[in-house]
Amino acid sequence: MASKAQLRPPANRKQQMLGEDRRAQQAIDTYQNVLTAR
């Protein structure tokens, strides 16, 4: 994955970071849902 990020032009870096933020938020939401479901 690191090599792919290096090959990408800097213009796509913002988009990639946004995608990672979305993925992290999804993981947090899922974790919170599991906690509240108990």
PDB file of N, CA and C in Angstrom:
ATOM      1  N   MET A   1       0.832  -1.205   0.000  1.00  0.00           N
ATOM      2  CA  MET A   1       0.000   0.000   0.000  1.00  0.00           C
ATOM      3  C   MET A   1       0.866   1.253   0.000  1.00  0.00           C
ATOM      4  N   ALA A   2       2.006   1.190   0.669  1.00  0.00           N
ATOM      5  CA  ALA A   2       2.890   2.362   0.732  1.00  0.00           C
ATOM      6  C   ALA A   2       3.414   2.713  -0.654  1.00  0.00           C
ATOM      7  N   SER A   3       3.740   1.672  -1.443  1.00  0.00           N
ATOM      8  CA  SER A   3       4.272   1.928  -2.790  1.00  0.00           C
ATOM      9  C   SER A   3       3.210   2.595  -3.660  1.00  0.00           C
ATOM     10  N   LYS A   4       1.956   2.179  -3.504  1.00  0.00           N
ATOM     11  CA  LYS A   4       0.871   2.791  -4.284  1.00  0.00           C
ATOM     12  C   LYS A   4       0.750   4.272  -3.946  1.00  0.00           C
ATOM     13  N   ALA A   5       0.829   4.602  -2.666  1.00  0.00           N
ATOM     14  CA  ALA A   5       0.702   6.003  -2.246  1.00  0.00           C
ATOM     15  C   ALA A   5       1.841   6.831  -2.822  1.00  0.00           C
ATOM     16  N   GLN A   6       3.032   6.236  -2.919  1.00  0.00           N
ATOM     17  CA  GLN A   6       4.184   6.965  -3.450  1.00  0.00           C
ATOM     18  C   GLN A   6       4.007   7.230  -4.942  1.00  0.00           C
ATOM     19  N   LEU A   7       3.366   6.298  -5.659  1.00  0.00           N
ATOM     20  CA  LEU A   7       3.193   6.462  -7.107  1.00  0.00           C
ATOM     21  C   LEU A   7       2.143   7.519  -7.426  1.00  0.00           C
ATOM     22  N   ARG A   8       1.230   7.754  -6.507  1.00  0.00           N
ATOM     23  CA  ARG A   8       0.156   8.717  -6.761  1.00  0.00           C
ATOM     24  C   ARG A   8       0.690  10.142  -6.768  1.00  0.00           C
ATOM     25  N   PRO A   9       0.176  10.982  -7.661  1.00  0.00           N
ATOM     26  CA  PRO A   9       0.553  12.395  -7.676  1.00  0.00           C
ATOM     27  C   PRO A   9       0.002  13.111  -6.442  1.00  0.00           C
ATOM     28  N   PRO A  10       0.647  14.195  -6.015  1.00  0.00           N
ATOM     29  CA  PRO A  10       0.242  14.910  -4.793  1.00  0.00           C
ATOM     30  C   PRO A  10      -1.210  15.381  -4.843  1.00  0.00           C
ATOM     31  N   ALA A  11      -1.734  15.634  -6.044  1.00  0.00           N
ATOM     32  CA  ALA A  11      -3.110  16.135  -6.172  1.00  0.00           C
ATOM     33  C   ALA A  11      -4.106  15.125  -5.610  1.00  0.00           C
ATOM     34  N   ASN A  12      -3.778  13.835  -5.713  1.00  0.00           N
ATOM     35  CA  ASN A  12      -4.710  12.805  -5.234  1.00  0.00           C
ATOM     36  C   ASN A  12      -4.548  12.543  -3.741  1.00  0.00           C
ATOM     37  N   ARG A  13      -3.538  13.167  -3.139  1.00  0.00           N
ATOM     38  CA  ARG A  13      -3.272  12.883  -1.728  1.00  0.00           C
ATOM     39  C   ARG A  13      -4.448  13.331  -0.858  1.00  0.00           C
ATOM     40  N   LYS A  14      -5.026  14.492  -1.202  1.00  0.00           N
ATOM     41  CA  LYS A  14      -6.166  14.991  -0.419  1.00  0.00           C
ATOM     42  C   LYS A  14      -7.328  14.014  -0.501  1.00  0.00           C
ATOM     43  N   GLN A  15      -7.606  13.541  -1.723  1.00  0.00           N
ATOM     44  CA  GLN A  15      -8.705  12.594  -1.911  1.00  0.00           C
ATOM     45  C   GLN A  15      -8.456  11.323  -1.103  1.00  0.00           C
ATOM     46  N   GLN A  16      -7.207  10.862  -1.117  1.00  0.00           N
ATOM     47  CA  GLN A  16      -6.877   9.634  -0.395  1.00  0.00           C
ATOM     48  C   GLN A  16      -7.096   9.834   1.103  1.00  0.00           C
ATOM     49  N   MET A  17      -6.684  11.001   1.613  1.00  0.00           N
ATOM     50  CA  MET A  17      -6.851  11.273   3.039  1.00  0.00           C
ATOM     51  C   MET A  17      -8.333  11.321   3.401  1.00  0.00           C
ATOM     52  N   LEU A  18      -9.133  11.906   2.519  1.00  0.00           N
ATOM     53  CA  LEU A  18     -10.578  11.966   2.779  1.00  0.00           C
ATOM     54  C   LEU A  18     -11.153  10.559   2.838  1.00  0.00           C
ATOM     55  N   GLY A  19     -10.709   9.696   1.922  1.00  0.00           N
ATOM     56  CA  GLY A  19     -11.188   8.321   1.920  1.00  0.00           C
ATOM     57  C   GLY A  19     -10.808   7.605   3.205  1.00  0.00           C
ATOM     58  N   GLU A  20      -9.592   7.841   3.683  1.00  0.00           N
ATOM     59  CA  GLU A  20      -9.150   7.197   4.917  1.00  0.00           C
ATOM     60  C   GLU A  20      -9.952   7.721   6.102  1.00  0.00           C
ATOM     61  N   ASP A  21     -10.246   9.040   6.092  1.00  0.00           N
ATOM     62  CA  ASP A  21     -11.056   9.611   7.171  1.00  0.00           C
ATOM     63  C   ASP A  21     -12.430   8.954   7.201  1.00  0.00           C
ATOM     64  N   ARG A  22     -13.016   8.771   6.000  1.00  0.00           N
ATOM     65  CA  ARG A  22     -14.346   8.167   5.918  1.00  0.00           C
ATOM     66  C   ARG A  22     -14.297   6.742   6.451  1.00  0.00           C
ATOM     67  N   ARG A  23     -13.224   6.025   6.096  1.00  0.00           N
ATOM     68  CA  ARG A  23     -13.097   4.633   6.543  1.00  0.00           C
ATOM     69  C   ARG A  23     -12.961   4.586   8.065  1.00  0.00           C
ATOM     70  N   ALA A  24     -12.170   5.500   8.605  1.00  0.00           N
ATOM     71  CA  ALA A  24     -11.972   5.541  10.057  1.00  0.00           C
ATOM     72  C   ALA A  24     -13.289   5.878  10.754  1.00  0.00           C
ATOM     73  N   GLN A  25     -14.036   6.823  10.201  1.00  0.00           N
ATOM     74  CA  GLN A  25     -15.320   7.200  10.802  1.00  0.00           C
ATOM     75  C   GLN A  25     -16.285   6.022  10.778  1.00  0.00           C
ATOM     76  N   GLN A  26     -16.262   5.262   9.684  1.00  0.00           N
ATOM     77  CA  GLN A  26     -17.131   4.081   9.595  1.00  0.00           C
ATOM     78  C   GLN A  26     -16.769   3.076  10.682  1.00  0.00           C
ATOM     79  N   ALA A  27     -15.477   2.875  10.894  1.00  0.00           N
ATOM     80  CA  ALA A  27     -15.029   1.923  11.910  1.00  0.00           C
ATOM     81  C   ALA A  27     -15.474   2.392  13.292  1.00  0.00           C
ATOM     82  N   ILE A  28     -15.365   3.693  13.543  1.00  0.00           N
ATOM     83  CA  ILE A  28     -15.768   4.242  14.846  1.00  0.00           C
ATOM     84  C   ILE A  28     -17.270   4.064  15.039  1.00  0.00           C
ATOM     85  N   ASP A  29     -18.039   4.366  13.991  1.00  0.00           N
ATOM     86  CA  ASP A  29     -19.493   4.221  14.082  1.00  0.00           C
ATOM     87  C   ASP A  29     -19.869   2.770  14.358  1.00  0.00           C
ATOM     88  N   THR A  30     -19.228   1.846  13.661  1.00  0.00           N
ATOM     89  CA  THR A  30     -19.521   0.426  13.857  1.00  0.00           C
ATOM     90  C   THR A  30     -19.186   0.010  15.284  1.00  0.00           C
ATOM     91  N   TYR A  31     -18.039   0.466  15.789  1.00  0.00           N
ATOM     92  CA  TYR A  31     -17.613   0.123  17.147  1.00  0.00           C
ATOM     93  C   TYR A  31     -18.619   0.649  18.164  1.00  0.00           C
ATOM     94  N   GLN A  32     -19.065   1.902  17.970  1.00  0.00           N
ATOM     95  CA  GLN A  32     -20.032   2.493  18.897  1.00  0.00           C
ATOM     96  C   GLN A  32     -21.363   1.748  18.834  1.00  0.00           C
ATOM     97  N   ASN A  33     -21.758   1.335  17.632  1.00  0.00           N
ATOM     98  CA  ASN A  33     -23.010   0.584  17.487  1.00  0.00           C
ATOM     99  C   ASN A  33     -22.930  -0.732  18.256  1.00  0.00           C
ATOM    100  N   VAL A  34     -21.775  -1.383  18.196  1.00  0.00           N
ATOM    101  CA  VAL A  34     -21.601  -2.651  18.911  1.00  0.00           C
ATOM    102  C   VAL A  34     -21.684  -2.407  20.414  1.00  0.00           C
ATOM    103  N   LEU A  35     -21.081  -1.302  20.878  1.00  0.00           N
ATOM    104  CA  LEU A  35     -21.094  -1.011  22.317  1.00  0.00           C
ATOM    105  C   LEU A  35     -22.518  -0.726  22.795  1.00  0.00           C
ATOM    106  N   THR A  36     -23.278   0.038  22.004  1.00  0.00           N
ATOM    107  CA  THR A  36     -24.631   0.408  22.435  1.00  0.00           C
ATOM    108  C   THR A  36     -25.593  -0.768  22.285  1.00  0.00           C
ATOM    109  N   ALA A  37     -25.262  -1.729  21.435  1.00  0.00           N
ATOM    110  CA  ALA A  37     -26.153  -2.868  21.195  1.00  0.00           C
ATOM    111  C   ALA A  37     -26.144  -3.817  22.391  1.00  0.00           C
ATOM    112  N   ARG A  38     -25.081  -3.800  23.168  1.00  0.00           N
ATOM    113  CA  ARG A  38     -24.968  -4.744  24.286  1.00  0.00           C
ATOM    114  C   ARG A  38     -25.964  -4.405  25.382  1.00  0.00           C
TER     115      ARG A  38
END
